[in-house]
Amino acid sequence: MVMKGYNPFPVWYFDGVHLIGEDIEHLHSMAERIGLKRKYFQNKEGGIPHYDVWGRPKKKLLSWENVKLVSSKKLIKLARLNG
């Protein structure tokens, strides 16, 4: 799941494909800033709420200071620990 709690300086985690955030609103906010439509949001039951990011949005995403590039394994661990 997406991380709980409010942080005025949110951090997003990205494994090169999947983007998760500290909460849903921050996640949607970042997606909008990098040009992703909300219809691309994925939130299947039992899964981790996320966006798949590719192309130009990926380049924009990687330029943000608060985006932490992590391995897929670390991304899942972070989501499960805080979900």
Protein backbone atom coordinates (compact mmCIF):
# COMPACT_ATOMS: atom_id res chain seq x y z
CA MET A 1 0.00 0.00 0.00
CA VAL A 2 0.93 3.64 -0.13
CA MET A 3 2.67 4.98 2.94
CA LYS A 4 0.55 6.37 5.75
CA GLY A 5 0.74 9.77 7.39
CA TYR A 6 1.02 13.33 6.12
CA ASN A 7 4.38 14.80 5.22
CA PRO A 8 4.56 18.42 4.02
CA PHE A 9 7.71 17.41 2.09
CA PRO A 10 6.60 14.13 0.51
CA VAL A 11 8.91 11.51 -0.90
CA TRP A 12 8.06 9.31 -3.85
CA TYR A 13 9.70 5.98 -4.56
CA PHE A 14 10.39 4.75 -8.08
CA ASP A 15 11.93 1.50 -9.31
CA GLY A 16 12.31 2.58 -12.92
CA VAL A 17 8.73 1.61 -13.83
CA HIS A 18 6.45 1.86 -10.75
CA LEU A 19 5.84 5.05 -8.77
CA ILE A 20 4.45 4.97 -5.22
CA GLY A 21 4.00 7.81 -2.78
CA GLU A 22 3.60 8.47 0.91
CA ASP A 23 -0.16 8.86 0.40
CA ILE A 24 -2.65 8.71 -2.45
CA GLU A 25 -3.09 12.48 -2.82
CA HIS A 26 0.66 13.07 -3.05
CA LEU A 27 0.91 10.23 -5.55
CA HIS A 28 -1.83 11.72 -7.76
CA SER A 29 -0.27 15.16 -7.41
CA MET A 30 3.11 13.96 -8.67
CA ALA A 31 1.52 11.99 -11.50
CA GLU A 32 -0.28 15.13 -12.64
CA ARG A 33 2.91 17.21 -12.46
CA ILE A 34 4.78 14.81 -14.73
CA GLY A 35 1.91 14.47 -17.20
CA LEU A 36 0.24 11.19 -16.26
CA LYS A 37 -3.54 10.95 -16.42
CA ARG A 38 -5.39 9.61 -13.40
CA LYS A 39 -6.85 6.83 -15.54
CA TYR A 40 -3.36 5.25 -15.47
CA PHE A 41 -3.52 4.86 -11.68
CA GLN A 42 -3.47 1.21 -10.65
CA ASN A 43 -5.03 0.09 -7.39
CA LYS A 44 -6.02 -3.55 -7.64
CA GLU A 45 -7.26 -5.34 -4.54
CA GLY A 46 -4.31 -6.83 -2.68
CA GLY A 47 -1.86 -4.82 -4.78
CA ILE A 48 0.18 -1.69 -4.25
CA PRO A 49 -1.43 1.57 -5.45
CA HIS A 50 0.91 2.94 -8.11
CA TYR A 51 1.45 4.46 -11.52
CA ASP A 52 3.52 2.88 -14.27
CA VAL A 53 5.81 5.57 -15.64
CA TRP A 54 7.54 5.61 -19.02
CA GLY A 55 8.77 8.00 -21.72
CA ARG A 56 8.75 11.75 -21.16
CA PRO A 57 7.00 11.53 -17.74
CA LYS A 58 9.82 9.22 -16.59
CA LYS A 59 12.45 11.80 -17.55
CA LYS A 60 10.51 14.51 -15.69
CA LEU A 61 10.10 12.26 -12.66
CA LEU A 62 13.81 11.55 -12.37
CA SER A 63 14.56 15.28 -12.25
CA TRP A 64 12.63 15.72 -8.97
CA GLU A 65 14.73 15.86 -5.81
CA ASN A 66 12.15 14.08 -3.64
CA VAL A 67 11.96 11.04 -5.92
CA LYS A 68 14.06 8.18 -4.59
CA LEU A 69 15.18 5.56 -7.09
CA VAL A 70 15.05 2.14 -5.42
CA SER A 71 15.08 -1.49 -6.52
CA SER A 72 11.77 -3.28 -7.18
CA LYS A 73 12.42 -5.40 -4.10
CA LYS A 74 12.96 -2.29 -1.94
CA LEU A 75 9.85 -0.63 -3.39
CA ILE A 76 7.68 -3.59 -2.39
CA LYS A 77 9.30 -3.73 1.06
CA LEU A 78 8.68 -0.01 1.64
CA ALA A 79 5.06 -0.32 0.59
CA ARG A 80 4.41 -3.34 2.78
CA LEU A 81 6.15 -1.90 5.85
CA ASN A 82 4.17 1.31 5.68
CA GLY A 83 0.87 0.04 4.24
